[in-house]
Amino acid sequence: MTDPIRVDDFDFTFPPEAVAQRPLADRSASRLLVLSRRSGAVEHRRFRDVPELLAPGDVLVLNASRVIPARLYGRRDSGRPAEILLVQEEPSGTWLAMVNPGGKLKAGRHLTFEDGWTGEIVDVLGGGLRRIRFDGPHPTRVLLERHGTVPLPPYIDRSPDAADRERYQTVYATSDGSVAAPTAGLHFTPEVLARVTERGIRIVEILLHVGPGTFKPVDVDDPARHRMHAERYEVPDVAATVINETRSAGGRVWAVGTTAARTLETVVRPDGSVAAGVGWTDLFIYPPYRFGAIDALLTNFHLPRSTLIMLVAAFAGHGATMAAYRTAIEQGYRLFSYGDAMAIVP
C-alpha cells in the first residue's frame, strides 16, 4: 500500500451466520486456508494437514497460557446485578477488572457474590479498568473455579456451558492467566501434535497471557494512535535455545497464533535470534512492519478493523490478506474464535 494506512482498510462484511457459535466435534476437522506469503496463492485444506506443511528441522511455537473462568456475576449494594471480567491478579492480591455497569461501580462501592464472597472497588483506573479487592472464605481462585464462567467473546451469542470449559482451551494449556483463548491453538489435538514431532519438527512452549485488549475495538482512524493493553509474556530458556538453533540451522519458525507471534517479535534481537525472559508487551503490529522472528503463522480469522487482522496483514500483505478473507467468506468458512483456521506459509 502506498497511501497512509487507515483502520478502514481492514474492514470487511460477512453474513452473521458465518460466525461460529460452537466448536466442531473434532478440533482438527476445521478447514484450513493456506495462503502463500510469496505468491498470494490460496489452497483449501483441513487443519489435520498442518504437519504436512512443516518440514523436518522446523520449530512450532505454542502459547501454553490457560484461560481462567474470569467472568463473575454479583450484586451491588442496591441488589441490582453487576458483571465483572477479571483481567489480572496483582502481587498484593487485588485484581484488575472490567465491570458492567461501569458508571455505577465507582471507588468504595461493594459487591456480593456466592458463598459469602464480597468485593470492593478500590480504584477506578484508565482504559475502563477497576482495581477490586475480594474477601471470602477461600482464595479468589476458588471463587473463580466454583462460580466463574468462561469469558466467551461477545460475538458468540449464547451463554457458556460446561463444554466450553474444555473446548475454549487448548489441549496443551498449562499456565493460568488468559481471559481469552489463543484461538489458533484450539484446533490442535494430541494426535496432530504427535504427527508433528514424528516428522522431526520440534515443539516449544512460550506464554502470553491474553488480556482484554483482544476485545478492544480500534476506535481511531490512524492505527498509530491506538494503544494496546500490556500483556505478560514468558519465553523460557529452552524455548529460546531451540528457536535460535532452528534459525541457525536454516529451519523455519512457525508461530501458532498472533499471541505467539507478538511475543517472539517482542524479544527478537537485530540478528534474528530471540532472547529468553519475562516481561510485559504492548507491541502493536500493523503494516508496514518488518518481521524478524517468525517465518510462518497459524491463525484464525479475525474481526474486521481489529488489531489481529492488522497483524496478519502486516505478515501476509494487506492485499493478499483481504483477498483471502473474501475468498474464505465466499467459500463458507466459519469465522472467529470457534471458527476455521488459516496458515500463512513462506
Foldseek 3Di string as FASTA:
>chain_A
DPDADWLVLQADDFDLVLADLAFDPALQQFKAWEAELVPLDTDIDTNLCVLVQFAALAEEEAAQEWAFLQWFWWAWPVRHIKIWGWFFQDPVRKTKIAIPPLVVQAAQTKIDHPPAKIKGFHHQDPPRITIIHMDDDDRVSVVRVVGGHQLDAPSNPDGDDPVCNPQQTAPNHDHYAANHRLQLRSSDDPVSVVSNVVNNYHYDYKHWHHGPQQRDFDPDTRVVPDWGDKIKIFDDPVNLVSLVVSVVVPYFYEYRGPRSQQVQQVQADPVLGGDGDIDIDRDQAAPQDDRRHGAKYKHFADHGSGSRLRNVCNSSNSVSSVVSVVVCSVVSWRHDRSTHMYMHHD
